[in-house]
Amino acid sequence: MEKYSASERRVDLYGVGDGLTMMNVLIKNGEGKLKRVDTYLGIEGEGFSAVAHSDNLDQPGVIFSYSSHVRMLKSHMPLLLEMFYGNVTGKR
């Protein structure tokens, strides 16, 4: 299990309706550059399920915009919700 300091990790929460929250966990490398984004859907206080993962964002040549990433996630929300409900109920 990896432990990150507060300067290496940030959590962004977005309400997506029906009481659901999208949570992005941003992990930065030692130089402060964004390294990874893990995305979860769930209900605060009841739990979250992983629905997306972006890694190696700090590698040379990688062009990444977090704001564009969030817009892309929001545009794919129907698919993410299907994945979430499939994880929670075991049905797809």
PDB file of N, CA and C in Angstrom:
ATOM      1  N   MET A   1       0.846  -1.167   0.000  1.00  0.00           N
ATOM      2  CA  MET A   1       0.000   0.000   0.000  1.00  0.00           C
ATOM      3  C   MET A   1       0.893   1.232   0.000  1.00  0.00           C
ATOM      4  N   GLU A   2       0.612   2.131  -0.931  1.00  0.00           N
ATOM      5  CA  GLU A   2       1.388   3.362  -1.023  1.00  0.00           C
ATOM      6  C   GLU A   2       0.752   4.442  -0.155  1.00  0.00           C
ATOM      7  N   LYS A   3       1.584   5.214   0.529  1.00  0.00           N
ATOM      8  CA  LYS A   3       1.090   6.350   1.301  1.00  0.00           C
ATOM      9  C   LYS A   3       1.633   7.616   0.657  1.00  0.00           C
ATOM     10  N   TYR A   4       0.739   8.560   0.389  1.00  0.00           N
ATOM     11  CA  TYR A   4       1.122   9.804  -0.257  1.00  0.00           C
ATOM     12  C   TYR A   4       0.975  10.953   0.722  1.00  0.00           C
ATOM     13  N   SER A   5       1.877  11.922   0.618  1.00  0.00           N
ATOM     14  CA  SER A   5       1.767  13.125   1.437  1.00  0.00           C
ATOM     15  C   SER A   5       0.673  14.009   0.848  1.00  0.00           C
ATOM     16  N   ALA A   6       0.249  14.992   1.624  1.00  0.00           N
ATOM     17  CA  ALA A   6      -0.804  15.899   1.159  1.00  0.00           C
ATOM     18  C   ALA A   6      -0.402  16.652  -0.108  1.00  0.00           C
ATOM     19  N   SER A   7       0.891  16.933  -0.273  1.00  0.00           N
ATOM     20  CA  SER A   7       1.335  17.656  -1.469  1.00  0.00           C
ATOM     21  C   SER A   7       1.349  16.763  -2.710  1.00  0.00           C
ATOM     22  N   GLU A   8       1.290  15.444  -2.521  1.00  0.00           N
ATOM     23  CA  GLU A   8       1.321  14.507  -3.642  1.00  0.00           C
ATOM     24  C   GLU A   8      -0.063  13.998  -4.035  1.00  0.00           C
ATOM     25  N   ARG A   9      -1.101  14.342  -3.261  1.00  0.00           N
ATOM     26  CA  ARG A   9      -2.436  13.800  -3.527  1.00  0.00           C
ATOM     27  C   ARG A   9      -3.486  14.895  -3.336  1.00  0.00           C
ATOM     28  N   ARG A  10      -4.463  14.869  -4.244  1.00  0.00           N
ATOM     29  CA  ARG A  10      -5.592  15.794  -4.146  1.00  0.00           C
ATOM     30  C   ARG A  10      -6.849  15.034  -4.533  1.00  0.00           C
ATOM     31  N   VAL A  11      -7.961  15.369  -3.909  1.00  0.00           N
ATOM     32  CA  VAL A  11      -9.231  14.721  -4.221  1.00  0.00           C
ATOM     33  C   VAL A  11     -10.217  15.797  -4.669  1.00  0.00           C
ATOM     34  N   ASP A  12     -10.807  15.600  -5.843  1.00  0.00           N
ATOM     35  CA  ASP A  12     -11.835  16.491  -6.369  1.00  0.00           C
ATOM     36  C   ASP A  12     -13.154  15.736  -6.391  1.00  0.00           C
ATOM     37  N   LEU A  13     -14.226  16.359  -5.908  1.00  0.00           N
ATOM     38  CA  LEU A  13     -15.550  15.739  -5.888  1.00  0.00           C
ATOM     39  C   LEU A  13     -16.495  16.526  -6.785  1.00  0.00           C
ATOM     40  N   TYR A  14     -17.332  15.799  -7.556  1.00  0.00           N
ATOM     41  CA  TYR A  14     -18.294  16.405  -8.466  1.00  0.00           C
ATOM     42  C   TYR A  14     -19.638  15.704  -8.274  1.00  0.00           C
ATOM     43  N   GLY A  15     -20.703  16.457  -8.037  1.00  0.00           N
ATOM     44  CA  GLY A  15     -22.038  15.880  -7.983  1.00  0.00           C
ATOM     45  C   GLY A  15     -22.498  15.538  -9.386  1.00  0.00           C
ATOM     46  N   VAL A  16     -23.020  14.326  -9.576  1.00  0.00           N
ATOM     47  CA  VAL A  16     -23.460  13.911 -10.913  1.00  0.00           C
ATOM     48  C   VAL A  16     -24.958  13.623 -10.955  1.00  0.00           C
ATOM     49  N   GLY A  17     -25.679  13.919  -9.880  1.00  0.00           N
ATOM     50  CA  GLY A  17     -27.121  13.708  -9.848  1.00  0.00           C
ATOM     51  C   GLY A  17     -27.498  12.405  -9.170  1.00  0.00           C
ATOM     52  N   ASP A  18     -28.764  12.299  -8.800  1.00  0.00           N
ATOM     53  CA  ASP A  18     -29.311  11.118  -8.126  1.00  0.00           C
ATOM     54  C   ASP A  18     -28.536  10.751  -6.867  1.00  0.00           C
ATOM     55  N   GLY A  19     -27.929  11.745  -6.215  1.00  0.00           N
ATOM     56  CA  GLY A  19     -27.187  11.489  -4.981  1.00  0.00           C
ATOM     57  C   GLY A  19     -25.808  10.904  -5.191  1.00  0.00           C
ATOM     58  N   LEU A  20     -25.391  10.743  -6.457  1.00  0.00           N
ATOM     59  CA  LEU A  20     -24.082  10.165  -6.765  1.00  0.00           C
ATOM     60  C   LEU A  20     -23.010  11.244  -6.865  1.00  0.00           C
ATOM     61  N   THR A  21     -21.797  10.858  -6.518  1.00  0.00           N
ATOM     62  CA  THR A  21     -20.642  11.742  -6.571  1.00  0.00           C
ATOM     63  C   THR A  21     -19.552  11.086  -7.410  1.00  0.00           C
ATOM     64  N   MET A  22     -18.928  11.884  -8.285  1.00  0.00           N
ATOM     65  CA  MET A  22     -17.728  11.427  -8.992  1.00  0.00           C
ATOM     66  C   MET A  22     -16.531  11.961  -8.202  1.00  0.00           C
ATOM     67  N   MET A  23     -15.617  11.068  -7.856  1.00  0.00           N
ATOM     68  CA  MET A  23     -14.430  11.441  -7.095  1.00  0.00           C
ATOM     69  C   MET A  23     -13.197  11.163  -7.945  1.00  0.00           C
ATOM     70  N   ASN A  24     -12.395  12.203  -8.183  1.00  0.00           N
ATOM     71  CA  ASN A  24     -11.116  12.052  -8.865  1.00  0.00           C
ATOM     72  C   ASN A  24     -10.012  12.168  -7.825  1.00  0.00           C
ATOM     73  N   VAL A  25      -9.155  11.165  -7.765  1.00  0.00           N
ATOM     74  CA  VAL A  25      -7.989  11.193  -6.884  1.00  0.00           C
ATOM     75  C   VAL A  25      -6.787  11.460  -7.779  1.00  0.00           C
ATOM     76  N   LEU A  26      -6.146  12.611  -7.579  1.00  0.00           N
ATOM     77  CA  LEU A  26      -5.008  13.027  -8.393  1.00  0.00           C
ATOM     78  C   LEU A  26      -3.731  12.758  -7.617  1.00  0.00           C
ATOM     79  N   ILE A  27      -2.801  12.031  -8.221  1.00  0.00           N
ATOM     80  CA  ILE A  27      -1.517  11.709  -7.610  1.00  0.00           C
ATOM     81  C   ILE A  27      -0.432  12.442  -8.394  1.00  0.00           C
ATOM     82  N   LYS A  28       0.421  13.166  -7.672  1.00  0.00           N
ATOM     83  CA  LYS A  28       1.517  13.902  -8.303  1.00  0.00           C
ATOM     84  C   LYS A  28       2.838  13.208  -7.996  1.00  0.00           C
ATOM     85  N   ASN A  29       3.822  13.406  -8.864  1.00  0.00           N
ATOM     86  CA  ASN A  29       5.152  12.847  -8.618  1.00  0.00           C
ATOM     87  C   ASN A  29       5.912  13.783  -7.674  1.00  0.00           C
ATOM     88  N   GLY A  30       7.149  13.449  -7.349  1.00  0.00           N
ATOM     89  CA  GLY A  30       7.951  14.248  -6.432  1.00  0.00           C
ATOM     90  C   GLY A  30       8.220  15.660  -6.906  1.00  0.00           C
ATOM     91  N   GLU A  31       8.104  15.884  -8.219  1.00  0.00           N
ATOM     92  CA  GLU A  31       8.328  17.218  -8.793  1.00  0.00           C
ATOM     93  C   GLU A  31       7.040  18.028  -8.859  1.00  0.00           C
ATOM     94  N   GLY A  32       5.926  17.471  -8.397  1.00  0.00           N
ATOM     95  CA  GLY A  32       4.652  18.182  -8.408  1.00  0.00           C
ATOM     96  C   GLY A  32       3.871  18.064  -9.694  1.00  0.00           C
ATOM     97  N   LYS A  33       4.351  17.239 -10.646  1.00  0.00           N
ATOM     98  CA  LYS A  33       3.642  17.059 -11.911  1.00  0.00           C
ATOM     99  C   LYS A  33       2.630  15.924 -11.766  1.00  0.00           C
ATOM    100  N   LEU A  34       1.446  16.110 -12.345  1.00  0.00           N
ATOM    101  CA  LEU A  34       0.396  15.107 -12.267  1.00  0.00           C
ATOM    102  C   LEU A  34       0.872  13.788 -12.859  1.00  0.00           C
ATOM    103  N   LYS A  35       0.731  12.726 -12.077  1.00  0.00           N
ATOM    104  CA  LYS A  35       1.214  11.400 -12.460  1.00  0.00           C
ATOM    105  C   LYS A  35       0.061  10.459 -12.811  1.00  0.00           C
ATOM    106  N   ARG A  36      -1.057  10.568 -12.062  1.00  0.00           N
ATOM    107  CA  ARG A  36      -2.144   9.592 -12.213  1.00  0.00           C
ATOM    108  C   ARG A  36      -3.459  10.214 -11.759  1.00  0.00           C
ATOM    109  N   VAL A  37      -4.554   9.799 -12.412  1.00  0.00           N
ATOM    110  CA  VAL A  37      -5.898  10.189 -11.988  1.00  0.00           C
ATOM    111  C   VAL A  37      -6.734   8.916 -11.896  1.00  0.00           C
ATOM    112  N   ASP A  38      -7.283   8.652 -10.706  1.00  0.00           N
ATOM    113  CA  ASP A  38      -8.189   7.525 -10.494  1.00  0.00           C
ATOM    114  C   ASP A  38      -9.584   8.100 -10.284  1.00  0.00           C
ATOM    115  N   THR A  39     -10.573   7.555 -11.000  1.00  0.00           N
ATOM    116  CA  THR A  39     -11.937   8.081 -10.939  1.00  0.00           C
ATOM    117  C   THR A  39     -12.867   7.029 -10.352  1.00  0.00           C
ATOM    118  N   TYR A  40     -13.696   7.480  -9.410  1.00  0.00           N
ATOM    119  CA  TYR A  40     -14.648   6.611  -8.724  1.00  0.00           C
ATOM    120  C   TYR A  40     -16.025   7.252  -8.757  1.00  0.00           C
ATOM    121  N   LEU A  41     -17.074   6.439  -8.765  1.00  0.00           N
ATOM    122  CA  LEU A  41     -18.447   6.910  -8.607  1.00  0.00           C
ATOM    123  C   LEU A  41     -19.007   6.265  -7.357  1.00  0.00           C
ATOM    124  N   GLY A  42     -19.836   6.989  -6.643  1.00  0.00           N
ATOM    125  CA  GLY A  42     -20.445   6.411  -5.465  1.00  0.00           C
ATOM    126  C   GLY A  42     -21.262   7.413  -4.694  1.00  0.00           C
ATOM    127  N   ILE A  43     -21.606   6.993  -3.486  1.00  0.00           N
ATOM    128  CA  ILE A  43     -22.394   7.816  -2.581  1.00  0.00           C
ATOM    129  C   ILE A  43     -21.554   8.048  -1.344  1.00  0.00           C
ATOM    130  N   GLU A  44     -21.343   9.330  -1.025  1.00  0.00           N
ATOM    131  CA  GLU A  44     -20.527   9.654   0.142  1.00  0.00           C
ATOM    132  C   GLU A  44     -21.123   9.000   1.382  1.00  0.00           C
ATOM    133  N   GLY A  45     -20.275   8.346   2.153  1.00  0.00           N
ATOM    134  CA  GLY A  45     -20.707   7.660   3.355  1.00  0.00           C
ATOM    135  C   GLY A  45     -21.125   6.224   3.124  1.00  0.00           C
ATOM    136  N   GLU A  46     -21.345   5.836   1.851  1.00  0.00           N
ATOM    137  CA  GLU A  46     -21.758   4.467   1.542  1.00  0.00           C
ATOM    138  C   GLU A  46     -20.733   3.711   0.714  1.00  0.00           C
ATOM    139  N   GLY A  47     -19.830   4.418   0.057  1.00  0.00           N
ATOM    140  CA  GLY A  47     -18.781   3.752  -0.707  1.00  0.00           C
ATOM    141  C   GLY A  47     -18.718   4.180  -2.152  1.00  0.00           C
ATOM    142  N   PHE A  48     -17.590   3.850  -2.768  1.00  0.00           N
ATOM    143  CA  PHE A  48     -17.308   4.226  -4.145  1.00  0.00           C
ATOM    144  C   PHE A  48     -16.810   3.009  -4.914  1.00  0.00           C
ATOM    145  N   SER A  49     -16.992   3.055  -6.220  1.00  0.00           N
ATOM    146  CA  SER A  49     -16.536   1.994  -7.114  1.00  0.00           C
ATOM    147  C   SER A  49     -15.668   2.623  -8.208  1.00  0.00           C
ATOM    148  N   ALA A  50     -14.527   2.012  -8.492  1.00  0.00           N
ATOM    149  CA  ALA A  50     -13.624   2.526  -9.523  1.00  0.00           C
ATOM    150  C   ALA A  50     -14.271   2.385 -10.902  1.00  0.00           C
ATOM    151  N   VAL A  51     -14.189   3.463 -11.699  1.00  0.00           N
ATOM    152  CA  VAL A  51     -14.758   3.425 -13.051  1.00  0.00           C
ATOM    153  C   VAL A  51     -13.776   3.876 -14.125  1.00  0.00           C
ATOM    154  N   ALA A  52     -12.658   4.528 -13.752  1.00  0.00           N
ATOM    155  CA  ALA A  52     -11.685   4.978 -14.752  1.00  0.00           C
ATOM    156  C   ALA A  52     -10.322   5.178 -14.094  1.00  0.00           C
ATOM    157  N   HIS A  53      -9.274   5.097 -14.922  1.00  0.00           N
ATOM    158  CA  HIS A  53      -7.906   5.222 -14.422  1.00  0.00           C
ATOM    159  C   HIS A  53      -7.022   5.751 -15.551  1.00  0.00           C
ATOM    160  N   SER A  54      -6.260   6.794 -15.273  1.00  0.00           N
ATOM    161  CA  SER A  54      -5.280   7.320 -16.227  1.00  0.00           C
ATOM    162  C   SER A  54      -3.929   7.339 -15.534  1.00  0.00           C
ATOM    163  N   ASP A  55      -2.927   6.748 -16.156  1.00  0.00           N
ATOM    164  CA  ASP A  55      -1.618   6.589 -15.509  1.00  0.00           C
ATOM    165  C   ASP A  55      -0.504   7.059 -16.440  1.00  0.00           C
ATOM    166  N   ASN A  56       0.686   7.215 -15.877  1.00  0.00           N
ATOM    167  CA  ASN A  56       1.893   7.620 -16.613  1.00  0.00           C
ATOM    168  C   ASN A  56       1.747   8.999 -17.263  1.00  0.00           C
ATOM    169  N   LEU A  57       1.000   9.880 -16.635  1.00  0.00           N
ATOM    170  CA  LEU A  57       0.766  11.210 -17.193  1.00  0.00           C
ATOM    171  C   LEU A  57       1.993  12.097 -17.101  1.00  0.00           C
ATOM    172  N   ASP A  58       2.980  11.687 -16.300  1.00  0.00           N
ATOM    173  CA  ASP A  58       4.198  12.482 -16.130  1.00  0.00           C
ATOM    174  C   ASP A  58       5.342  12.021 -17.030  1.00  0.00           C
ATOM    175  N   GLN A  59       5.064  11.107 -17.929  1.00  0.00           N
ATOM    176  CA  GLN A  59       6.099  10.598 -18.828  1.00  0.00           C
ATOM    177  C   GLN A  59       6.417  11.620 -19.917  1.00  0.00           C
ATOM    178  N   PRO A  60       7.665  11.635 -20.399  1.00  0.00           N
ATOM    179  CA  PRO A  60       8.036  12.575 -21.468  1.00  0.00           C
ATOM    180  C   PRO A  60       7.142  12.404 -22.701  1.00  0.00           C
ATOM    181  N   GLY A  61       6.707  13.510 -23.253  1.00  0.00           N
ATOM    182  CA  GLY A  61       5.895  13.487 -24.470  1.00  0.00           C
ATOM    183  C   GLY A  61       4.401  13.389 -24.234  1.00  0.00           C
ATOM    184  N   VAL A  62       3.975  13.139 -22.992  1.00  0.00           N
ATOM    185  CA  VAL A  62       2.545  13.025 -22.705  1.00  0.00           C
ATOM    186  C   VAL A  62       1.951  14.428 -22.573  1.00  0.00           C
ATOM    187  N   ILE A  63       0.917  14.684 -23.362  1.00  0.00           N
ATOM    188  CA  ILE A  63       0.206  15.950 -23.282  1.00  0.00           C
ATOM    189  C   ILE A  63      -1.124  15.654 -22.601  1.00  0.00           C
ATOM    190  N   PHE A  64      -1.371  16.295 -21.462  1.00  0.00           N
ATOM    191  CA  PHE A  64      -2.555  15.998 -20.673  1.00  0.00           C
ATOM    192  C   PHE A  64      -3.106  17.280 -20.075  1.00  0.00           C
ATOM    193  N   SER A  65      -4.412  17.446 -20.164  1.00  0.00           N
ATOM    194  CA  SER A  65      -5.101  18.584 -19.558  1.00  0.00           C
ATOM    195  C   SER A  65      -6.161  18.027 -18.617  1.00  0.00           C
ATOM    196  N   TYR A  66      -6.038  18.336 -17.330  1.00  0.00           N
ATOM    197  CA  TYR A  66      -6.998  17.821 -16.352  1.00  0.00           C
ATOM    198  C   TYR A  66      -8.407  18.342 -16.640  1.00  0.00           C
ATOM    199  N   SER A  67      -8.542  19.598 -17.003  1.00  0.00           N
ATOM    200  CA  SER A  67      -9.881  20.137 -17.281  1.00  0.00           C
ATOM    201  C   SER A  67     -10.523  19.427 -18.476  1.00  0.00           C
ATOM    202  N   SER A  68      -9.752  19.111 -19.495  1.00  0.00           N
ATOM    203  CA  SER A  68     -10.266  18.344 -20.640  1.00  0.00           C
ATOM    204  C   SER A  68     -10.630  16.927 -20.214  1.00  0.00           C
ATOM    205  N   HIS A  69      -9.834  16.362 -19.327  1.00  0.00           N
ATOM    206  CA  HIS A  69     -10.095  15.018 -18.815  1.00  0.00           C
ATOM    207  C   HIS A  69     -11.443  14.986 -18.082  1.00  0.00           C
ATOM    208  N   VAL A  70     -11.707  15.981 -17.254  1.00  0.00           N
ATOM    209  CA  VAL A  70     -12.973  16.047 -16.523  1.00  0.00           C
ATOM    210  C   VAL A  70     -14.140  16.213 -17.496  1.00  0.00           C
ATOM    211  N   ARG A  71     -13.985  17.045 -18.514  1.00  0.00           N
ATOM    212  CA  ARG A  71     -15.046  17.208 -19.521  1.00  0.00           C
ATOM    213  C   ARG A  71     -15.303  15.885 -20.236  1.00  0.00           C
ATOM    214  N   MET A  72     -14.256  15.144 -20.561  1.00  0.00           N
ATOM    215  CA  MET A  72     -14.408  13.851 -21.220  1.00  0.00           C
ATOM    216  C   MET A  72     -15.156  12.872 -20.311  1.00  0.00           C
ATOM    217  N   LEU A  73     -14.799  12.850 -19.020  1.00  0.00           N
ATOM    218  CA  LEU A  73     -15.491  11.967 -18.084  1.00  0.00           C
ATOM    219  C   LEU A  73     -16.972  12.312 -18.008  1.00  0.00           C
ATOM    220  N   LYS A  74     -17.289  13.600 -17.942  1.00  0.00           N
ATOM    221  CA  LYS A  74     -18.685  14.025 -17.877  1.00  0.00           C
ATOM    222  C   LYS A  74     -19.437  13.651 -19.150  1.00  0.00           C
ATOM    223  N   SER A  75     -18.776  13.735 -20.301  1.00  0.00           N
ATOM    224  CA  SER A  75     -19.441  13.381 -21.558  1.00  0.00           C
ATOM    225  C   SER A  75     -19.672  11.874 -21.670  1.00  0.00           C
ATOM    226  N   HIS A  76     -18.888  11.095 -20.941  1.00  0.00           N
ATOM    227  CA  HIS A  76     -19.036   9.637 -20.937  1.00  0.00           C
ATOM    228  C   HIS A  76     -19.793   9.144 -19.695  1.00  0.00           C
ATOM    229  N   MET A  77     -20.505  10.035 -19.026  1.00  0.00           N
ATOM    230  CA  MET A  77     -21.183   9.669 -17.782  1.00  0.00           C
ATOM    231  C   MET A  77     -22.164   8.507 -17.935  1.00  0.00           C
ATOM    232  N   PRO A  78     -22.938   8.405 -19.029  1.00  0.00           N
ATOM    233  CA  PRO A  78     -23.832   7.241 -19.151  1.00  0.00           C
ATOM    234  C   PRO A  78     -23.070   5.909 -19.084  1.00  0.00           C
ATOM    235  N   LEU A  79     -21.929   5.830 -19.739  1.00  0.00           N
ATOM    236  CA  LEU A  79     -21.118   4.613 -19.682  1.00  0.00           C
ATOM    237  C   LEU A  79     -20.546   4.395 -18.288  1.00  0.00           C
ATOM    238  N   LEU A  80     -20.056   5.460 -17.653  1.00  0.00           N
ATOM    239  CA  LEU A  80     -19.508   5.341 -16.301  1.00  0.00           C
ATOM    240  C   LEU A  80     -20.581   4.899 -15.318  1.00  0.00           C
ATOM    241  N   LEU A  81     -21.801   5.420 -15.465  1.00  0.00           N
ATOM    242  CA  LEU A  81     -22.900   4.996 -14.597  1.00  0.00           C
ATOM    243  C   LEU A  81     -23.244   3.532 -14.813  1.00  0.00           C
ATOM    244  N   GLU A  82     -23.222   3.090 -16.060  1.00  0.00           N
ATOM    245  CA  GLU A  82     -23.475   1.673 -16.353  1.00  0.00           C
ATOM    246  C   GLU A  82     -22.413   0.804 -15.684  1.00  0.00           C
ATOM    247  N   MET A  83     -21.155   1.229 -15.754  1.00  0.00           N
ATOM    248  CA  MET A  83     -20.079   0.476 -15.113  1.00  0.00           C
ATOM    249  C   MET A  83     -20.272   0.479 -13.595  1.00  0.00           C
ATOM    250  N   PHE A  84     -20.635   1.626 -13.028  1.00  0.00           N
ATOM    251  CA  PHE A  84     -20.850   1.733 -11.591  1.00  0.00           C
ATOM    252  C   PHE A  84     -21.955   0.787 -11.140  1.00  0.00           C
ATOM    253  N   TYR A  85     -23.116   0.862 -11.788  1.00  0.00           N
ATOM    254  CA  TYR A  85     -24.231   0.010 -11.379  1.00  0.00           C
ATOM    255  C   TYR A  85     -23.925  -1.458 -11.619  1.00  0.00           C
ATOM    256  N   GLY A  86     -23.124  -1.755 -12.649  1.00  0.00           N
ATOM    257  CA  GLY A  86     -22.693  -3.138 -12.876  1.00  0.00           C
ATOM    258  C   GLY A  86     -21.802  -3.633 -11.755  1.00  0.00           C
ATOM    259  N   ASN A  87     -20.923  -2.763 -11.266  1.00  0.00           N
ATOM    260  CA  ASN A  87     -20.036  -3.132 -10.145  1.00  0.00           C
ATOM    261  C   ASN A  87     -20.827  -3.310  -8.864  1.00  0.00           C
ATOM    262  N   VAL A  88     -21.818  -2.458  -8.646  1.00  0.00           N
ATOM    263  CA  VAL A  88     -22.583  -2.497  -7.388  1.00  0.00           C
ATOM    264  C   VAL A  88     -23.547  -3.669  -7.363  1.00  0.00           C
ATOM    265  N   THR A  89     -24.238  -3.918  -8.473  1.00  0.00           N
ATOM    266  CA  THR A  89     -25.256  -4.974  -8.489  1.00  0.00           C
ATOM    267  C   THR A  89     -24.732  -6.296  -9.026  1.00  0.00           C
ATOM    268  N   GLY A  90     -23.577  -6.268  -9.679  1.00  0.00           N
ATOM    269  CA  GLY A  90     -23.032  -7.486 -10.278  1.00  0.00           C
ATOM    270  C   GLY A  90     -23.639  -7.789 -11.618  1.00  0.00           C
ATOM    271  N   LYS A  91     -24.486  -6.905 -12.136  1.00  0.00           N
ATOM    272  CA  LYS A  91     -25.133  -7.091 -13.447  1.00  0.00           C
ATOM    273  C   LYS A  91     -24.572  -6.062 -14.411  1.00  0.00           C
ATOM    274  N   ARG A  92     -24.513  -6.412 -15.688  1.00  0.00           N
ATOM    275  CA  ARG A  92     -24.065  -5.463 -16.716  1.00  0.00           C
ATOM    276  C   ARG A  92     -24.986  -5.495 -17.883  1.00  0.00           C
TER     277      ARG A  92
END
